[in-house]
Structure formats: C-alpha cells, structure tokens
Amino acid sequence: MWTHAGWEDCNATCGGGERKTTVSCTKITSKNTSIVDNRKCKSLTKPEPQIRKCNEQPCQTRWMMTEWTTCSRTCGKGVQSRQVACTQQLNNGTLIRAWERDCLGPKPATAQRCEGQDCMTVWEAGVWSE
C-alpha cells in the first residue's frame, strides 16, 4: 500500500515555502511496517503528496562581497574580481547562504575593469644645465 512516509525539507529558507510528504510503497506484516520497492505498488493508484507551508517568516537578507582582487595587469587594462553571495541572518546572528532571489536589489558586480599603474610615464622637470 502507498503511505506518506516523512516530510521533505522546505524549499525556501524564508519568505514562505512548501514541504511535501514522501509517498512510499509500504508493506504491513502483523504490526510492523517496512518501506519496499515502489514497483510492488504499481497496480495501486499512487496518492499525491501532502503539502504544507513552511518558513513563512520574512527574509532578512543582504548581499555580502569579498574585497576586490588586485588588478590582473600591472600595466595597462586588466580585470578585478570578487565573490558575491546573498546571505540571511538567523535569529542568533549567524549568516547563512540564501537564495539569490531572496536578496533585494540587483546582484552587485563580480568583476570590474582596472588599469595597472606601474607603466604610467611621469615627466619630471629638472634644473637647466649650462
């Protein structure tokens, strides 16, 4: 027979999500039950999983960025990069990674152009010679 055996994890960490039951083929003998291969229930109509709402608290998320790397070129045009992640602050203050869709505003850039300064020519004026 088909049974609802346990709940899956919520599909959202905040802002409202859903969790579903796992529908499994179960064998009942005496007073014991055991989950068996789903093929043993193929002649029976499999029920839809039950669904519950979960994690309905509002998301308190923000974008976190690492510092920019040094310019990829010491002379001329190069690129700098950084890591960007959407994070959520839990009630105890711990930051965890969150879904990017839960962070407000556009995702900050992970790369930008830069220019190495070592090749810049500097002119210096000196004292006139005789």
Foldseek 3Di string as FASTA:
>chain_A
DKDFDDKDDFPFQAQKTKIWTDIFDWDDDDHDIDGDDRVVCVVPDGDDTDMDMDRNHQFPKEKDKDDWDPFPDQAAKGKIFIDIFIWTQDPVRDIDGGDPVSYPDDTDDGMDMDGRDPPDDDDDDDDDDD
